[in-house]
Protein backbone atom coordinates (compact mmCIF):
# COMPACT_ATOMS: atom_id res chain seq x y z
CA MET A 1 -40.62 50.98 -24.00
CA ASN A 2 -42.20 49.06 -26.85
CA ALA A 3 -42.35 45.43 -25.66
CA SER A 4 -41.78 44.06 -29.16
CA ILE A 5 -38.46 45.92 -29.45
CA ALA A 6 -35.30 44.64 -27.77
CA LEU A 7 -32.44 47.06 -27.13
CA ASN A 8 -28.82 45.96 -27.00
CA ASP A 9 -25.39 47.51 -27.04
CA THR A 10 -24.10 47.68 -30.60
CA ILE A 11 -21.55 45.03 -31.55
CA ASP A 12 -19.30 44.65 -34.59
CA ALA A 13 -21.72 42.18 -36.18
CA ASP A 14 -24.31 45.00 -36.34
CA ILE A 15 -22.18 47.25 -38.57
CA SER A 16 -23.46 45.86 -41.87
CA ALA A 17 -27.10 46.55 -40.99
CA ILE A 18 -26.23 49.94 -39.50
CA THR A 19 -24.37 50.83 -42.69
CA ALA A 20 -27.45 50.00 -44.77
CA ILE A 21 -29.80 52.01 -42.52
CA TYR A 22 -27.49 55.01 -42.58
CA ALA A 23 -27.00 54.76 -46.36
CA ASP A 24 -30.76 55.04 -46.82
CA ALA A 25 -30.84 58.11 -44.53
CA VAL A 26 -28.00 59.75 -46.45
CA LEU A 27 -29.43 59.01 -49.91
CA ASN A 28 -33.12 59.61 -49.22
CA GLY A 29 -33.43 61.86 -46.20
CA THR A 30 -32.17 64.99 -44.53
CA ALA A 31 -31.29 63.65 -41.07
CA SER A 32 -27.66 63.57 -42.17
CA PHE A 33 -26.00 66.28 -44.20
CA GLU A 34 -23.60 63.75 -45.70
CA LEU A 35 -24.05 63.35 -49.45
CA ASP A 36 -22.33 60.01 -50.02
CA PRO A 37 -22.94 57.06 -47.69
CA PRO A 38 -19.83 55.82 -45.91
CA ASP A 39 -18.82 52.18 -46.31
CA ALA A 40 -18.87 49.57 -43.55
CA ALA A 41 -15.21 50.15 -42.65
CA GLU A 42 -15.89 53.85 -42.01
CA MET A 43 -19.06 53.07 -40.04
CA ALA A 44 -17.05 50.60 -37.90
CA ARG A 45 -14.41 53.28 -37.30
CA ARG A 46 -17.09 55.75 -36.20
CA PHE A 47 -18.74 53.18 -33.93
CA HIS A 48 -15.45 52.33 -32.20
CA ALA A 49 -14.58 56.02 -31.76
CA ILE A 50 -17.95 56.66 -30.05
CA ARG A 51 -17.55 53.68 -27.71
CA GLN A 52 -13.88 54.36 -26.93
CA ALA A 53 -14.82 57.91 -25.96
CA GLY A 54 -17.26 56.55 -23.35
CA TYR A 55 -20.57 57.23 -25.11
CA PRO A 56 -23.51 54.82 -25.57
CA HIS A 57 -24.26 53.21 -28.95
CA ILE A 58 -27.28 50.88 -29.13
CA VAL A 59 -29.43 48.94 -31.58
CA ALA A 60 -33.10 47.95 -31.63
CA ARG A 61 -34.27 44.53 -32.83
CA ASP A 62 -37.63 42.93 -33.34
CA GLY A 63 -38.53 39.44 -32.08
CA SER A 64 -36.95 37.77 -35.12
CA GLY A 65 -33.64 39.53 -34.47
CA GLU A 66 -33.93 41.97 -37.40
CA LEU A 67 -32.08 45.21 -36.71
CA LEU A 68 -34.68 48.00 -36.82
CA GLY A 69 -32.56 51.00 -35.98
CA TYR A 70 -29.71 52.37 -33.96
CA ALA A 71 -28.87 55.37 -31.82
CA TYR A 72 -25.91 56.86 -30.08
CA ALA A 73 -24.71 59.93 -28.25
CA GLY A 74 -21.44 61.66 -28.84
CA SER A 75 -19.57 64.80 -28.01
CA TYR A 76 -21.53 67.94 -28.88
CA ARG A 77 -18.33 69.89 -29.43
CA ALA A 78 -14.64 69.07 -28.98
CA ARG A 79 -13.68 71.70 -26.39
CA PRO A 80 -13.44 70.44 -22.78
CA ALA A 81 -16.05 72.88 -21.40
CA TYR A 82 -18.65 71.00 -23.50
CA ARG A 83 -17.84 67.65 -21.85
CA TRP A 84 -21.14 67.59 -19.95
CA THR A 85 -23.16 68.03 -23.15
CA VAL A 86 -23.92 65.31 -25.72
CA GLU A 87 -25.52 65.26 -29.13
CA ASN A 88 -27.90 62.42 -29.99
CA SER A 89 -28.36 60.57 -33.27
CA VAL A 90 -31.19 58.16 -34.10
CA TYR A 91 -31.66 56.24 -37.37
CA VAL A 92 -34.50 53.85 -38.15
CA ALA A 93 -34.74 51.34 -41.01
CA PRO A 94 -37.30 52.39 -43.64
CA SER A 95 -39.39 49.26 -42.96
CA ALA A 96 -39.54 50.06 -39.23
CA LYS A 97 -40.63 53.70 -39.35
CA GLY A 98 -43.84 54.53 -37.51
CA ARG A 99 -43.52 51.57 -35.11
CA GLY A 100 -42.08 53.41 -32.09
CA VAL A 101 -38.50 52.34 -32.77
CA GLY A 102 -37.10 55.89 -32.79
CA ARG A 103 -38.87 56.79 -29.56
CA THR A 104 -37.65 53.61 -27.85
CA LEU A 105 -34.07 54.21 -28.97
CA LEU A 106 -34.01 57.89 -28.02
CA ALA A 107 -35.58 57.26 -24.59
CA GLU A 108 -32.85 54.70 -23.86
CA ILE A 109 -30.05 56.99 -25.05
CA ILE A 110 -31.41 59.75 -22.79
CA ALA A 111 -31.52 57.37 -19.80
CA ARG A 112 -28.00 56.07 -20.44
CA CYS A 113 -26.57 59.58 -20.80
CA GLU A 114 -28.24 60.67 -17.56
CA ALA A 115 -26.81 57.60 -15.79
CA LEU A 116 -23.35 58.49 -17.12
CA GLY A 117 -23.61 61.98 -15.61
CA PHE A 118 -24.14 64.10 -18.72
CA ARG A 119 -26.16 67.25 -18.08
CA GLN A 120 -27.46 68.45 -21.46
CA MET A 121 -28.48 66.73 -24.69
CA ILE A 122 -28.59 68.54 -28.02
CA ALA A 123 -30.46 67.43 -31.13
CA VAL A 124 -29.37 68.88 -34.46
CA ILE A 125 -32.20 68.06 -36.85
CA GLY A 126 -31.70 68.35 -40.59
CA GLY A 127 -34.49 70.41 -42.11
CA SER A 128 -37.27 72.46 -40.52
CA GLU A 129 -39.80 70.25 -42.35
CA HIS A 130 -38.54 67.08 -40.60
CA ALA A 131 -41.73 66.91 -38.53
CA ALA A 132 -41.25 63.30 -37.35
CA SER A 133 -37.87 64.00 -35.75
CA ILE A 134 -38.96 67.34 -34.29
CA GLY A 135 -42.12 65.73 -32.87
CA LEU A 136 -40.16 62.81 -31.42
CA HIS A 137 -37.78 65.14 -29.62
CA GLU A 138 -40.65 67.32 -28.35
CA ALA A 139 -42.44 64.22 -27.03
CA LEU A 140 -39.35 63.27 -25.02
CA GLY A 141 -38.95 66.70 -23.42
CA PHE A 142 -36.67 68.58 -25.79
CA ALA A 143 -37.28 72.31 -26.19
CA HIS A 144 -36.63 74.30 -29.32
CA ALA A 145 -33.33 76.13 -28.96
CA GLY A 146 -33.14 77.76 -32.37
CA VAL A 147 -32.96 77.37 -36.12
CA LEU A 148 -29.91 77.95 -38.25
CA PRO A 149 -31.41 78.79 -41.64
CA ALA A 150 -30.05 77.32 -44.86
CA THR A 151 -26.97 75.65 -43.35
CA GLY A 152 -26.89 72.69 -45.74
CA PHE A 153 -27.61 72.17 -49.42
CA LYS A 154 -28.89 68.69 -50.23
CA HIS A 155 -31.39 67.15 -52.64
CA GLY A 156 -31.40 70.38 -54.64
CA ARG A 157 -32.53 72.63 -51.81
CA TRP A 158 -31.28 74.56 -48.81
CA LEU A 159 -31.94 72.92 -45.44
CA ASP A 160 -32.14 74.46 -41.99
CA SER A 161 -30.57 72.98 -38.89
CA VAL A 162 -33.13 72.82 -36.08
CA LEU A 163 -31.56 72.85 -32.63
CA MET A 164 -33.37 71.29 -29.69
CA GLN A 165 -32.12 70.77 -26.14
CA LYS A 166 -33.03 68.64 -23.14
CA PRO A 167 -31.57 68.95 -19.63
CA LEU A 168 -30.34 65.66 -18.19
CA GLY A 169 -30.34 64.92 -14.47
CA ALA A 170 -29.86 68.19 -12.59
CA GLY A 171 -29.28 70.00 -15.88
CA SER A 172 -27.95 73.48 -15.27
CA SER A 173 -29.58 73.88 -11.84
CA MET A 174 -26.26 73.21 -10.15
CA PRO A 175 -22.62 72.77 -11.15
CA PRO A 176 -21.45 69.26 -12.06
CA ASP A 177 -19.69 67.24 -9.38
CA PRO A 178 -15.96 67.88 -9.85
CA ASP A 179 -15.22 64.31 -8.71
CA THR A 180 -17.26 62.70 -11.50
CA TYR A 181 -16.54 62.88 -15.16
CA PRO A 182 -18.81 61.52 -17.91
CA GLY A 183 -17.25 59.63 -20.77
CA THR A 184 -13.54 59.28 -21.30
CA LEU A 185 -12.92 61.81 -24.06
CA TYR A 186 -11.55 64.37 -21.62
CA PRO A 187 -10.45 62.43 -18.53
CA PRO A 188 -9.63 64.54 -15.49
CA ALA A 189 -5.98 65.46 -14.97
């Protein structure tokens, strides 16, 4: 982990900075296929839904306390058979790019998801040309799982969705323990 970056669980006071970081990603990048940035109320709703479902949501700060980026994991798909699989999201402030913030955030999200008992992590990367995100995921052990060509139209062009996958813990080498259950989205009966 980058020693100059502190990681913390996201709190409500972080929503304003998170909203600004995400707005930049929506307006200027391809990491999100949203076209209009959501407001702070919507970002707060999304944050609370992630946390209430039992998934991690974290922020990175520098020594002065400035919020540099955030990351979270959430349900990959809504059906119960997917409950052992998560999808990651990482967003870094424009001023913090290239400083190891994304790598620090993603490494922590991976560790937290493994500790929670999840078995697979999926990355859905917007745009085949998004070399920084693809390289980050490769560096942390994700393998290419496929490309869905031209799935989004943004900034006047068609964008691919690049799928990458990383096993967590025992991965698929053995069935999950029926007595444990990651997250709370689909609690056992």
